[in-house]
């Protein structure tokens, strides 16, 4: 009978160790989530503050300055956009009609034959369209907004 008690005690001790380890892992993950939540909250507040201040398209993320593309609105000048985005807008405006990413890439001097070179440009064109600076047509081409 003492052997059974000793075996059961050893079994429970092992289970206690496993549970203590799991509890420590859960607490560590919860701490990480709390930190991530605070960082996200700070970033959201900074972005909201920056959008409220027309003309200041820079926020701090992890101690690094990151440019924002402001929404097109009355009082927000095109000059608030980073220079590269201004060049993209100019290229779209100078086109005779709707233009594809490849065409804009060629105008900007990118190697349009390499897809990897066009993907960042495609992202910038989409961002300009999402913010109201350009219009993205259903066929994927872009036009300037009046």
Protein backbone atom coordinates (compact mmCIF):
# COMPACT_ATOMS: atom_id res chain seq x y z
CA UNK A 1 0.00 0.00 0.00
CA UNK A 2 2.87 2.40 0.80
CA UNK A 3 4.30 1.69 -2.63
CA UNK A 4 1.02 2.76 -4.27
CA UNK A 5 0.94 5.94 -2.22
CA UNK A 6 4.55 6.73 -3.13
CA UNK A 7 3.87 6.04 -6.83
CA UNK A 8 0.79 8.25 -6.79
CA UNK A 9 2.70 11.01 -5.00
CA UNK A 10 5.45 10.85 -7.66
CA UNK A 11 2.80 10.96 -10.39
CA UNK A 12 1.19 14.02 -8.82
CA UNK A 13 4.58 15.72 -8.38
CA UNK A 14 5.26 15.24 -12.10
CA UNK A 15 1.84 16.62 -12.98
CA UNK A 16 2.45 19.60 -10.69
CA UNK A 17 5.73 20.34 -12.51
CA UNK A 18 4.00 20.19 -15.91
CA UNK A 19 1.22 22.49 -14.75
CA UNK A 20 3.68 24.96 -13.20
CA UNK A 21 5.61 25.05 -16.49
CA UNK A 22 2.40 25.58 -18.49
CA UNK A 23 1.30 28.32 -16.11
CA UNK A 24 4.64 30.10 -16.51
CA UNK A 25 4.32 29.90 -20.32
CA UNK A 26 0.77 31.25 -20.22
CA UNK A 27 1.82 34.15 -17.98
CA UNK A 28 4.76 34.99 -20.25
CA UNK A 29 2.52 35.01 -23.33
CA UNK A 30 -0.06 37.18 -21.56
CA UNK A 31 2.72 39.65 -20.66
CA UNK A 32 3.83 39.74 -24.31
CA UNK A 33 0.26 40.37 -25.43
CA UNK A 34 -0.07 43.23 -22.95
CA UNK A 35 3.08 44.84 -24.35
CA UNK A 36 1.86 44.39 -27.93
CA UNK A 37 -1.48 45.93 -26.98
CA UNK A 38 0.22 48.99 -25.47
CA UNK A 39 2.43 49.44 -28.55
CA UNK A 40 -0.57 49.18 -30.86
CA UNK A 41 -2.49 51.69 -28.75
CA UNK A 42 0.41 54.16 -28.87
CA UNK A 43 0.78 53.75 -32.62
CA UNK A 44 -2.94 54.28 -33.14
CA UNK A 45 -2.86 57.43 -31.05
CA UNK A 46 0.15 58.76 -32.95
CA UNK A 47 -1.49 58.08 -36.30
CA UNK A 48 -4.70 59.77 -35.18
CA UNK A 49 -2.73 62.78 -33.94
CA UNK A 50 -0.77 62.99 -37.18
CA UNK A 51 -3.91 62.83 -39.30
CA UNK A 52 -5.44 65.56 -37.20
CA UNK A 53 -2.42 67.76 -37.89
CA UNK A 54 -2.68 68.48 -41.60
CA UNK A 55 0.67 68.63 -43.31
CA UNK A 56 2.68 66.44 -40.94
CA UNK A 57 2.83 63.00 -42.56
CA UNK A 58 5.45 61.46 -40.21
CA UNK A 59 4.91 59.20 -37.18
CA UNK A 60 7.29 57.42 -34.87
CA UNK A 61 7.12 53.62 -34.96
CA UNK A 62 9.61 51.77 -32.79
CA UNK A 63 11.66 54.94 -32.53
CA UNK A 64 11.90 55.33 -36.30
CA UNK A 65 10.28 58.02 -38.44
CA UNK A 66 7.78 56.55 -40.88
CA UNK A 67 6.01 58.60 -43.56
CA UNK A 68 2.28 58.46 -43.90
CA UNK A 69 0.35 59.17 -47.02
CA UNK A 70 -2.37 61.60 -45.93
CA UNK A 71 -5.91 61.37 -47.22
CA UNK A 72 -6.67 63.78 -50.00
CA UNK A 73 -8.87 66.49 -48.53
CA UNK A 74 -9.45 70.19 -48.78
CA UNK A 75 -6.45 71.99 -47.37
CA UNK A 76 -4.07 69.04 -47.78
CA UNK A 77 -1.57 70.00 -50.45
CA UNK A 78 0.11 67.54 -52.77
CA UNK A 79 3.40 68.84 -51.38
CA UNK A 80 2.66 66.97 -48.12
CA UNK A 81 3.30 63.73 -49.99
CA UNK A 82 6.82 62.27 -50.06
CA UNK A 83 8.77 63.23 -53.20
CA UNK A 84 8.51 59.73 -54.69
CA UNK A 85 4.71 59.81 -54.43
CA UNK A 86 4.65 63.27 -56.00
CA UNK A 87 6.66 61.90 -58.95
CA UNK A 88 4.16 59.05 -59.33
CA UNK A 89 1.22 61.50 -59.34
CA UNK A 90 2.95 63.65 -61.94
CA UNK A 91 3.59 60.63 -64.17
CA UNK A 92 -0.07 59.55 -63.97
CA UNK A 93 -1.28 63.09 -64.73
CA UNK A 94 1.00 63.38 -67.76
CA UNK A 95 -0.30 60.13 -69.25
CA UNK A 96 -2.79 60.42 -72.08
CA UNK A 97 -5.32 58.21 -70.29
CA UNK A 98 -5.55 55.34 -67.80
CA UNK A 99 -2.15 53.81 -67.15
CA UNK A 100 -0.94 50.45 -65.90
CA UNK A 101 1.73 50.01 -63.26
CA UNK A 102 4.22 48.87 -65.89
CA UNK A 103 3.78 52.11 -67.86
CA UNK A 104 4.35 54.26 -64.78
CA UNK A 105 7.40 52.15 -63.90
CA UNK A 106 8.85 52.80 -67.35
CA UNK A 107 8.25 56.55 -67.02
CA UNK A 108 9.96 56.52 -63.61
CA UNK A 109 12.92 54.60 -65.00
CA UNK A 110 12.28 51.28 -63.27
CA UNK A 111 13.18 47.97 -64.91
CA UNK A 112 9.63 47.08 -65.97
CA UNK A 113 10.74 43.63 -67.14
CA UNK A 114 11.35 42.53 -63.54
CA UNK A 115 8.11 41.95 -61.67
CA UNK A 116 9.79 42.44 -58.29
CA UNK A 117 10.67 46.00 -59.25
CA UNK A 118 7.05 46.82 -60.04
CA UNK A 119 5.39 45.39 -56.92
CA UNK A 120 6.51 48.22 -54.59
CA UNK A 121 5.28 50.71 -57.20
CA UNK A 122 1.95 48.88 -57.44
CA UNK A 123 1.61 49.17 -53.65
CA UNK A 124 2.28 52.91 -53.80
CA UNK A 125 -0.27 53.39 -56.57
CA UNK A 126 -2.86 51.46 -54.56
CA UNK A 127 -2.08 53.51 -51.46
CA UNK A 128 -2.53 56.75 -53.44
CA UNK A 129 -5.85 55.42 -54.73
CA UNK A 130 -7.01 54.38 -51.25
CA UNK A 131 -6.20 57.87 -49.95
CA UNK A 132 -8.10 59.58 -52.79
CA UNK A 133 -5.15 60.95 -54.76
CA UNK A 134 -5.70 58.57 -57.70
CA UNK A 135 -8.59 56.53 -59.07
CA UNK A 136 -8.10 52.79 -59.59
CA UNK A 137 -10.27 51.44 -62.36
CA UNK A 138 -11.75 47.92 -62.37
CA UNK A 139 -9.21 46.90 -65.05
CA UNK A 140 -6.36 47.73 -62.62
CA UNK A 141 -5.28 50.91 -64.39
CA UNK A 142 -4.96 54.25 -62.65
CA UNK A 143 -6.14 57.74 -63.52
CA UNK A 144 -5.59 61.10 -61.87
CA UNK A 145 -8.42 62.65 -59.91
CA UNK A 146 -9.39 66.18 -60.94
